[in-house]
Protein backbone atom coordinates (compact mmCIF):
# COMPACT_ATOMS: atom_id res chain seq x y z
CA UNK A 1 -130.89 -89.39 -51.70
CA UNK A 2 -132.20 -92.91 -52.32
CA UNK A 3 -134.99 -93.19 -54.87
CA UNK A 4 -138.02 -95.29 -53.95
CA UNK A 5 -140.85 -96.49 -56.18
CA UNK A 6 -144.20 -97.14 -54.50
CA UNK A 7 -147.51 -98.24 -56.01
CA UNK A 8 -150.84 -97.83 -54.19
CA UNK A 9 -153.82 -99.88 -55.31
CA UNK A 10 -157.47 -98.92 -55.62
CA UNK A 11 -158.39 -99.83 -52.03
CA UNK A 12 -155.40 -97.89 -50.67
CA UNK A 13 -156.64 -94.71 -52.40
CA UNK A 14 -160.32 -95.63 -52.23
CA UNK A 15 -161.51 -92.56 -50.30
CA UNK A 16 -160.32 -89.02 -49.47
CA UNK A 17 -159.41 -90.24 -45.97
CA UNK A 18 -157.26 -93.07 -47.32
CA UNK A 19 -155.60 -90.75 -49.82
CA UNK A 20 -154.72 -88.42 -46.94
CA UNK A 21 -153.36 -91.40 -44.98
CA UNK A 22 -151.15 -92.35 -47.94
CA UNK A 23 -149.98 -88.72 -48.19
CA UNK A 24 -148.98 -88.78 -44.53
CA UNK A 25 -147.00 -91.99 -45.02
CA UNK A 26 -145.21 -90.51 -48.04
CA UNK A 27 -144.44 -87.26 -46.25
CA UNK A 28 -142.63 -89.25 -43.54
CA UNK A 29 -140.57 -91.07 -46.20
CA UNK A 30 -139.77 -87.76 -47.89
CA UNK A 31 -138.65 -86.26 -44.57
CA UNK A 32 -136.16 -89.12 -44.23
CA UNK A 33 -134.44 -88.03 -47.42
CA UNK A 34 -135.97 -90.30 -50.02
CA UNK A 35 -136.82 -89.25 -53.58
CA UNK A 36 -140.25 -90.69 -54.34
CA UNK A 37 -142.02 -91.80 -57.51
CA UNK A 38 -145.54 -92.96 -56.66
CA UNK A 39 -147.81 -94.94 -58.99
CA UNK A 40 -151.56 -94.98 -58.27
CA UNK A 41 -154.53 -97.03 -59.41
CA UNK A 42 -158.05 -95.72 -59.85
CA UNK A 43 -160.04 -95.23 -56.65
CA UNK A 44 -161.98 -98.28 -55.47
CA UNK A 45 -164.43 -99.52 -58.10
CA UNK A 46 -163.95 -96.56 -60.46
CA UNK A 47 -162.80 -98.71 -63.39
CA UNK A 48 -165.84 -100.99 -63.14
CA UNK A 49 -168.11 -97.95 -62.88
CA UNK A 50 -166.59 -96.48 -66.04
CA UNK A 51 -167.03 -99.82 -67.82
CA UNK A 52 -170.68 -99.77 -66.76
CA UNK A 53 -171.16 -96.29 -68.19
CA UNK A 54 -169.65 -97.39 -71.49
CA UNK A 55 -171.97 -100.40 -71.62
CA UNK A 56 -174.98 -98.09 -71.25
CA UNK A 57 -173.81 -96.12 -74.29
CA UNK A 58 -172.76 -98.93 -76.62
CA UNK A 59 -172.79 -102.72 -76.85
CA UNK A 60 -169.43 -102.57 -78.63
CA UNK A 61 -167.58 -99.37 -77.67
CA UNK A 62 -164.58 -98.35 -79.73
CA UNK A 63 -161.38 -99.60 -78.05
CA UNK A 64 -159.57 -96.28 -78.51
CA UNK A 65 -162.39 -94.43 -76.77
CA UNK A 66 -162.45 -97.04 -74.01
CA UNK A 67 -158.80 -96.26 -73.29
CA UNK A 68 -159.61 -92.54 -73.20
CA UNK A 69 -162.42 -93.26 -70.75
CA UNK A 70 -160.68 -95.76 -68.47
CA UNK A 71 -157.48 -93.74 -68.16
CA UNK A 72 -159.51 -91.05 -66.38
CA UNK A 73 -159.74 -93.16 -63.21
CA UNK A 74 -156.00 -93.08 -62.49
CA UNK A 75 -155.81 -89.40 -63.37
CA UNK A 76 -158.35 -88.64 -60.65
CA UNK A 77 -156.28 -90.56 -58.08
CA UNK A 78 -152.99 -88.95 -59.07
CA UNK A 79 -154.38 -85.41 -58.88
CA UNK A 80 -156.03 -85.98 -55.48
CA UNK A 81 -152.91 -87.53 -53.97
CA UNK A 82 -150.79 -84.66 -55.26
CA UNK A 83 -153.26 -82.18 -53.72
CA UNK A 84 -153.13 -84.05 -50.41
CA UNK A 85 -149.33 -83.93 -50.32
CA UNK A 86 -149.17 -80.25 -51.19
CA UNK A 87 -151.78 -79.53 -48.53
CA UNK A 88 -149.47 -80.87 -45.80
CA UNK A 89 -146.44 -79.00 -47.09
CA UNK A 90 -144.86 -81.80 -49.14
CA UNK A 91 -144.22 -80.53 -52.69
CA UNK A 92 -145.71 -82.89 -55.29
CA UNK A 93 -146.73 -82.98 -58.93
CA UNK A 94 -148.86 -85.47 -60.86
CA UNK A 95 -148.28 -86.87 -64.36
CA UNK A 96 -150.30 -89.02 -66.70
CA UNK A 97 -148.66 -92.07 -68.23
CA UNK A 98 -147.80 -90.16 -71.39
CA UNK A 99 -146.36 -87.22 -69.44
CA UNK A 100 -144.25 -89.72 -67.51
CA UNK A 101 -142.73 -91.04 -70.73
CA UNK A 102 -144.28 -94.52 -70.62
CA UNK A 103 -144.19 -95.62 -74.26
CA UNK A 104 -146.31 -98.60 -75.30
CA UNK A 105 -147.23 -100.42 -78.47
CA UNK A 106 -150.51 -99.57 -80.20
CA UNK A 107 -152.64 -102.32 -78.64
CA UNK A 108 -155.61 -100.58 -77.04
CA UNK A 109 -156.89 -102.30 -73.91
CA UNK A 110 -153.83 -104.52 -73.31
CA UNK A 111 -150.88 -102.43 -74.51
CA UNK A 112 -147.32 -103.53 -73.78
CA UNK A 113 -144.64 -101.18 -72.49
CA UNK A 114 -141.80 -100.87 -75.01
CA UNK A 115 -139.77 -98.03 -73.46
CA UNK A 116 -139.73 -95.47 -70.66
CA UNK A 117 -138.32 -91.98 -71.13
CA UNK A 118 -138.89 -90.36 -67.72
CA UNK A 119 -137.43 -86.96 -68.59
CA UNK A 120 -140.10 -84.90 -66.83
CA UNK A 121 -140.06 -87.17 -63.78
CA UNK A 122 -136.30 -86.65 -63.38
CA UNK A 123 -136.70 -82.89 -63.75
CA UNK A 124 -139.32 -82.75 -60.99
CA UNK A 125 -137.32 -85.02 -58.68
CA UNK A 126 -134.38 -82.65 -59.12
CA UNK A 127 -136.67 -79.85 -57.91
CA UNK A 128 -137.42 -81.78 -54.73
CA UNK A 129 -140.96 -82.82 -55.61
CA UNK A 130 -142.70 -86.12 -55.05
CA UNK A 131 -143.87 -87.34 -58.46
CA UNK A 132 -147.27 -89.05 -58.70
CA UNK A 133 -147.78 -91.17 -61.82
CA UNK A 134 -151.09 -92.45 -63.16
CA UNK A 135 -150.67 -96.20 -63.47
CA UNK A 136 -152.25 -98.52 -66.02
CA UNK A 137 -151.61 -96.20 -68.96
CA UNK A 138 -149.11 -94.95 -71.48
CA UNK A 139 -148.85 -93.49 -74.96
CA UNK A 140 -148.36 -95.23 -78.29
CA UNK A 141 -145.92 -94.17 -81.05
CA UNK A 142 -148.97 -92.59 -82.73
CA UNK A 143 -149.44 -90.37 -79.63
CA UNK A 144 -152.60 -92.22 -78.64
CA UNK A 145 -153.52 -92.90 -75.01
CA UNK A 146 -153.28 -96.63 -74.26
CA UNK A 147 -154.09 -98.77 -71.23
CA UNK A 148 -152.25 -101.87 -70.04
CA UNK A 149 -155.20 -104.04 -68.98
CA UNK A 150 -156.51 -104.89 -65.53
CA UNK A 151 -153.85 -104.70 -62.85
CA UNK A 152 -151.70 -102.63 -65.18
CA UNK A 153 -150.66 -100.19 -62.45
CA UNK A 154 -148.49 -102.94 -60.95
CA UNK A 155 -146.75 -103.25 -64.31
CA UNK A 156 -146.30 -99.47 -64.51
CA UNK A 157 -144.62 -99.43 -61.12
CA UNK A 158 -142.23 -102.32 -61.80
CA UNK A 159 -141.31 -100.82 -65.18
CA UNK A 160 -140.51 -97.47 -63.57
CA UNK A 161 -138.44 -99.18 -60.87
CA UNK A 162 -136.43 -100.86 -63.62
CA UNK A 163 -136.04 -97.64 -65.59
CA UNK A 164 -134.73 -95.80 -62.51
CA UNK A 165 -132.63 -98.78 -61.34
CA UNK A 166 -134.30 -98.65 -57.94
CA UNK A 167 -133.29 -101.15 -55.28
CA UNK A 168 -136.82 -102.61 -55.21
CA UNK A 169 -140.44 -101.85 -56.05
CA UNK A 170 -143.04 -101.50 -53.27
CA UNK A 171 -146.61 -102.62 -54.08
CA UNK A 172 -149.10 -101.45 -51.45
CA UNK A 173 -152.43 -103.23 -51.32
CA UNK A 174 -155.14 -104.16 -48.79
CA UNK A 175 -153.69 -107.54 -47.73
CA UNK A 176 -150.61 -108.58 -45.74
CA UNK A 177 -148.88 -110.05 -48.78
CA UNK A 178 -149.10 -113.53 -50.24
CA UNK A 179 -150.80 -116.24 -48.17
CA UNK A 180 -150.74 -120.02 -48.56
CA UNK A 181 -154.46 -119.75 -49.46
CA UNK A 182 -157.20 -117.14 -49.50
CA UNK A 183 -157.78 -116.47 -45.77
CA UNK A 184 -161.48 -115.91 -46.49
CA UNK A 185 -161.64 -119.58 -47.54
CA UNK A 186 -158.98 -120.94 -45.18
CA UNK A 187 -158.65 -119.08 -41.85
CA UNK A 188 -155.54 -121.17 -41.09
CA UNK A 189 -153.73 -119.83 -44.18
CA UNK A 190 -150.18 -118.71 -43.41
CA UNK A 191 -148.35 -115.61 -44.50
CA UNK A 192 -145.44 -116.22 -46.87
CA UNK A 193 -142.48 -113.96 -46.12
CA UNK A 194 -140.48 -114.63 -49.29
CA UNK A 195 -141.17 -116.07 -52.73
CA UNK A 196 -139.03 -116.53 -55.81
CA UNK A 197 -140.28 -115.07 -59.09
CA UNK A 198 -141.21 -118.42 -60.63
CA UNK A 199 -143.46 -119.38 -57.73
CA UNK A 200 -145.03 -115.91 -57.57
CA UNK A 201 -145.71 -116.14 -61.29
CA UNK A 202 -147.64 -119.37 -60.70
CA UNK A 203 -149.64 -117.78 -57.87
CA UNK A 204 -150.54 -114.76 -59.99
CA UNK A 205 -151.41 -116.70 -63.12
CA UNK A 206 -153.55 -119.21 -61.18
CA UNK A 207 -155.91 -116.72 -59.57
CA UNK A 208 -154.13 -115.06 -56.65
CA UNK A 209 -155.06 -111.39 -57.09
CA UNK A 210 -152.27 -109.91 -54.98
CA UNK A 211 -150.16 -108.68 -57.91
CA UNK A 212 -150.59 -108.61 -61.68
CA UNK A 213 -148.91 -111.46 -63.56
CA UNK A 214 -147.31 -109.13 -66.12
CA UNK A 215 -145.64 -107.17 -63.32
CA UNK A 216 -144.15 -110.42 -61.98
CA UNK A 217 -142.95 -111.39 -65.46
CA UNK A 218 -141.26 -108.00 -65.82
CA UNK A 219 -139.68 -108.26 -62.37
CA UNK A 220 -138.34 -111.72 -63.17
CA UNK A 221 -136.94 -110.63 -66.53
CA UNK A 222 -134.96 -107.75 -65.01
CA UNK A 223 -134.53 -109.28 -61.52
CA UNK A 224 -136.26 -106.33 -59.84
CA UNK A 225 -137.24 -107.30 -56.25
CA UNK A 226 -140.91 -106.64 -55.46
CA UNK A 227 -142.17 -106.07 -51.91
CA UNK A 228 -145.92 -106.52 -51.36
CA UNK A 229 -147.21 -104.59 -48.33
CA UNK A 230 -150.49 -103.73 -46.59
CA UNK A 231 -151.24 -100.00 -46.74
CA UNK A 232 -153.95 -100.32 -44.09
CA UNK A 233 -151.78 -101.73 -41.29
CA UNK A 234 -148.15 -102.37 -40.45
CA UNK A 235 -146.94 -105.78 -41.58
CA UNK A 236 -143.74 -107.25 -42.95
CA UNK A 237 -145.39 -108.24 -46.23
CA UNK A 238 -143.98 -110.59 -48.86
CA UNK A 239 -140.70 -110.13 -50.72
CA UNK A 240 -140.45 -111.54 -54.25
CA UNK A 241 -136.96 -112.02 -55.66
CA UNK A 242 -134.51 -114.53 -57.09
CA UNK A 243 -134.97 -118.05 -58.38
CA UNK A 244 -136.24 -121.27 -56.86
CA UNK A 245 -134.04 -124.21 -56.03
CA UNK A 246 -135.37 -126.47 -58.76
CA UNK A 247 -134.07 -129.63 -57.05
CA UNK A 248 -136.11 -129.11 -53.89
CA UNK A 249 -139.86 -129.35 -54.38
CA UNK A 250 -142.22 -128.16 -51.67
CA UNK A 251 -145.91 -127.24 -51.61
CA UNK A 252 -146.16 -123.46 -51.38
CA UNK A 253 -149.90 -122.92 -51.39
CA UNK A 254 -153.33 -123.43 -52.91
CA UNK A 255 -154.96 -120.78 -55.04
CA UNK A 256 -158.25 -120.53 -56.90
CA UNK A 257 -160.03 -118.54 -59.58
CA UNK A 258 -163.82 -118.36 -59.38
CA UNK A 259 -164.18 -115.79 -62.18
CA UNK A 260 -163.77 -117.94 -65.27
CA UNK A 261 -165.92 -118.81 -68.26
CA UNK A 262 -165.21 -121.86 -70.40
CA UNK A 263 -165.96 -121.20 -74.04
CA UNK A 264 -166.34 -123.96 -76.63
CA UNK A 265 -166.64 -123.58 -80.40
CA UNK A 266 -167.54 -126.70 -82.41
CA UNK A 267 -168.11 -127.57 -86.04
CA UNK A 268 -165.56 -125.23 -87.63
CA UNK A 269 -164.81 -126.63 -91.08
CA UNK A 270 -161.60 -124.71 -91.76
CA UNK A 271 -158.32 -125.53 -93.41
CA UNK A 272 -155.14 -124.48 -91.60
CA UNK A 273 -155.07 -121.07 -93.29
CA UNK A 274 -158.68 -120.51 -92.31
CA UNK A 275 -157.98 -121.61 -88.74
CA UNK A 276 -155.05 -119.20 -88.55
CA UNK A 277 -157.31 -116.37 -89.71
CA UNK A 278 -159.99 -117.34 -87.18
CA UNK A 279 -157.44 -117.43 -84.34
CA UNK A 280 -156.12 -114.03 -85.45
CA UNK A 281 -159.61 -112.59 -85.17
CA UNK A 282 -159.96 -114.11 -81.70
CA UNK A 283 -156.69 -112.51 -80.61
CA UNK A 284 -157.73 -109.14 -82.09
CA UNK A 285 -160.64 -109.01 -79.62
CA UNK A 286 -158.11 -108.55 -76.82
CA UNK A 287 -159.33 -111.52 -74.79
CA UNK A 288 -156.99 -113.05 -72.23
CA UNK A 289 -157.28 -116.64 -73.43
CA UNK A 290 -156.01 -119.50 -71.29
CA UNK A 291 -155.71 -123.19 -72.07
CA UNK A 292 -156.58 -122.76 -75.75
CA UNK A 293 -157.18 -126.23 -77.17
CA UNK A 294 -158.07 -127.47 -80.67
CA UNK A 295 -159.60 -130.88 -81.32
CA UNK A 296 -159.78 -132.03 -84.95
CA UNK A 297 -161.97 -134.99 -85.92
CA UNK A 298 -161.45 -137.30 -88.87
CA UNK A 299 -163.34 -135.01 -91.25
CA UNK A 300 -161.12 -132.04 -90.49
CA UNK A 301 -163.70 -130.23 -88.33
CA UNK A 302 -162.13 -128.13 -85.58
CA UNK A 303 -163.40 -127.78 -82.03
CA UNK A 304 -161.81 -124.95 -80.08
CA UNK A 305 -162.07 -124.47 -76.32
CA UNK A 306 -160.52 -121.94 -73.95
CA UNK A 307 -160.94 -120.25 -70.59
CA UNK A 308 -161.25 -116.50 -70.15
CA UNK A 309 -161.79 -114.26 -67.10
CA UNK A 310 -165.45 -113.49 -66.42
CA UNK A 311 -165.20 -109.74 -66.93
CA UNK A 312 -167.60 -107.26 -68.59
CA UNK A 313 -165.12 -106.42 -71.33
CA UNK A 314 -164.67 -110.12 -72.12
CA UNK A 315 -168.41 -110.76 -72.28
CA UNK A 316 -168.65 -108.25 -75.11
CA UNK A 317 -165.92 -110.23 -76.86
CA UNK A 318 -167.89 -113.46 -76.36
CA UNK A 319 -170.83 -111.97 -78.24
CA UNK A 320 -168.54 -111.20 -81.15
CA UNK A 321 -167.07 -114.73 -81.07
CA UNK A 322 -170.54 -116.23 -81.35
CA UNK A 323 -171.16 -114.17 -84.48
CA UNK A 324 -167.77 -115.17 -85.93
CA UNK A 325 -168.38 -118.85 -85.23
CA UNK A 326 -171.84 -118.77 -86.76
CA UNK A 327 -170.45 -117.17 -89.91
CA UNK A 328 -167.90 -120.03 -90.13
CA UNK A 329 -170.62 -122.68 -89.71
CA UNK A 330 -169.78 -123.41 -86.08
CA UNK A 331 -171.71 -123.56 -82.82
CA UNK A 332 -170.74 -122.09 -79.45
CA UNK A 333 -171.32 -122.97 -75.82
CA UNK A 334 -170.49 -121.02 -72.67
CA UNK A 335 -170.04 -122.64 -69.29
CA UNK A 336 -170.31 -119.99 -66.59
CA UNK A 337 -170.25 -122.45 -63.67
CA UNK A 338 -166.55 -123.25 -63.79
CA UNK A 339 -163.59 -122.32 -61.61
CA UNK A 340 -160.04 -123.50 -61.12
CA UNK A 341 -158.08 -124.70 -58.09
CA UNK A 342 -154.29 -124.92 -58.28
CA UNK A 343 -151.65 -126.44 -56.04
CA UNK A 344 -148.49 -124.33 -56.42
CA UNK A 345 -145.05 -125.69 -55.63
CA UNK A 346 -141.54 -124.35 -55.38
CA UNK A 347 -139.29 -126.47 -57.57
CA UNK A 348 -140.20 -128.94 -60.31
CA UNK A 349 -143.03 -131.25 -59.33
CA UNK A 350 -143.30 -135.01 -59.64
CA UNK A 351 -146.63 -134.73 -61.43
CA UNK A 352 -147.84 -138.31 -61.05
CA UNK A 353 -147.53 -138.80 -57.27
CA UNK A 354 -148.76 -135.27 -56.49
CA UNK A 355 -151.72 -135.57 -58.89
CA UNK A 356 -152.76 -138.85 -57.28
CA UNK A 357 -152.60 -137.29 -53.82
CA UNK A 358 -154.66 -134.29 -54.98
CA UNK A 359 -157.33 -136.43 -56.65
CA UNK A 360 -157.57 -138.69 -53.61
CA UNK A 361 -157.94 -135.66 -51.33
CA UNK A 362 -160.74 -134.19 -53.46
CA UNK A 363 -162.50 -137.54 -53.67
CA UNK A 364 -162.59 -137.75 -49.88
CA UNK A 365 -163.93 -134.18 -49.79
CA UNK A 366 -166.67 -135.02 -52.29
CA UNK A 367 -165.37 -132.70 -55.01
CA UNK A 368 -165.63 -133.81 -58.64
CA UNK A 369 -162.90 -132.45 -60.92
CA UNK A 370 -163.78 -131.77 -64.55
CA UNK A 371 -160.18 -131.85 -65.76
CA UNK A 372 -156.62 -131.89 -64.45
CA UNK A 373 -153.51 -130.39 -66.00
CA UNK A 374 -149.95 -130.16 -64.74
CA UNK A 375 -147.28 -127.55 -65.33
CA UNK A 376 -143.68 -127.34 -64.23
CA UNK A 377 -144.53 -126.05 -60.77
CA UNK A 378 -148.30 -126.44 -60.40
CA UNK A 379 -151.25 -128.75 -60.89
CA UNK A 380 -154.58 -127.18 -61.80
CA UNK A 381 -158.07 -128.66 -61.72
CA UNK A 382 -161.29 -127.31 -63.17
CA UNK A 383 -164.24 -127.70 -60.81
CA UNK A 384 -167.74 -126.31 -60.35
CA UNK A 385 -167.58 -122.83 -58.86
CA UNK A 386 -169.59 -123.91 -55.85
CA UNK A 387 -166.96 -126.57 -55.06
CA UNK A 388 -164.05 -124.13 -54.82
CA UNK A 389 -164.25 -123.38 -51.05
CA UNK A 390 -164.40 -127.09 -50.18
CA UNK A 391 -161.60 -127.97 -52.59
CA UNK A 392 -159.26 -125.21 -51.40
CA UNK A 393 -159.83 -125.98 -47.72
CA UNK A 394 -159.31 -129.73 -48.23
CA UNK A 395 -156.13 -129.36 -50.29
CA UNK A 396 -154.67 -126.78 -47.92
CA UNK A 397 -155.33 -129.05 -44.94
CA UNK A 398 -153.84 -132.06 -46.74
CA UNK A 399 -150.79 -130.47 -48.37
CA UNK A 400 -149.89 -127.27 -46.52
CA UNK A 401 -150.96 -127.17 -42.90
CA UNK A 402 -148.70 -129.98 -41.73
CA UNK A 403 -145.66 -128.72 -43.65
CA UNK A 404 -142.92 -126.38 -42.43
CA UNK A 405 -143.79 -122.65 -42.32
CA UNK A 406 -143.29 -120.78 -45.57
């Protein structure tokens, strides 16, 4: 029988009724002769609720204990889905990440998968059971529970698909796949049927929340096709596979991130060894830093700036950074009114002409950009959060709507 790997996100398993609907879908697949390994996220907003509980207990909760706490969300989902399958006569068993053989490094909060030894999963598949795996988690060499960071269930699923040499990995969510823009901002946004890994990586890293960026990186590394589907209605979804034709550049879409904080640290009088130590302490906080930049003036004073997602766990890290900077003689500033807008292309861009067209478009729309940066296949601008809807709609109209369908 053909083995299939499916992952269901928090919305897809967000209520008992939706869990039962997922169970019915899986029972049909099982009746067609497929072996099934199913990865689940925590129900709905469970992870945020657990983070809120931790914040009420401690301003700086221990990272090991946070992993113990947050891993409970996926365990609830896996057990309920297994119950739902067994209730309709489809044999199933649930496993935690450690029981599934997902081995990670020791980095609590953002652990990396280093190996998968799915011995127990294979044993249960041989017995004819559907295996439900708690996503987002694993076990370290020290036998400690670890979590993979937000969106980590996507990574769990792709890693298992690779370990089992599945034909593809199915990611079920609450949208129809990847769109040329957020349809809540641009009703004319088009569905994209197929994307190469490089372009999907740009979408994910620039704010599109359809699939976790680490899952895309893993899929690209091992060339594991990923199919993104809507669990709430029938739709063809988006297939992610292969490479782009780097000689043919086209505008794929416009994406945005309105959950960013820009953090600036000035006045750090550090030599290079001291700067290395300071950066090491920043990294140890587990923050997902983006666009890290260091300005050094003539006196050797460093000014660091970076962007980080506006998340509760990061805000605790910001408090620690302020204390670290003060101890090093520096000052800090947070800008919580910043967001990013990115134009994503397939193929290498001609940065100059495209940047001019983007800036001209935003000028006509009355949007002031704070900064502009170009990558191999994208151009990103920082803007005020309130400007994001206008910017996305204007750029999509200018660059996407008159182009050929994706």
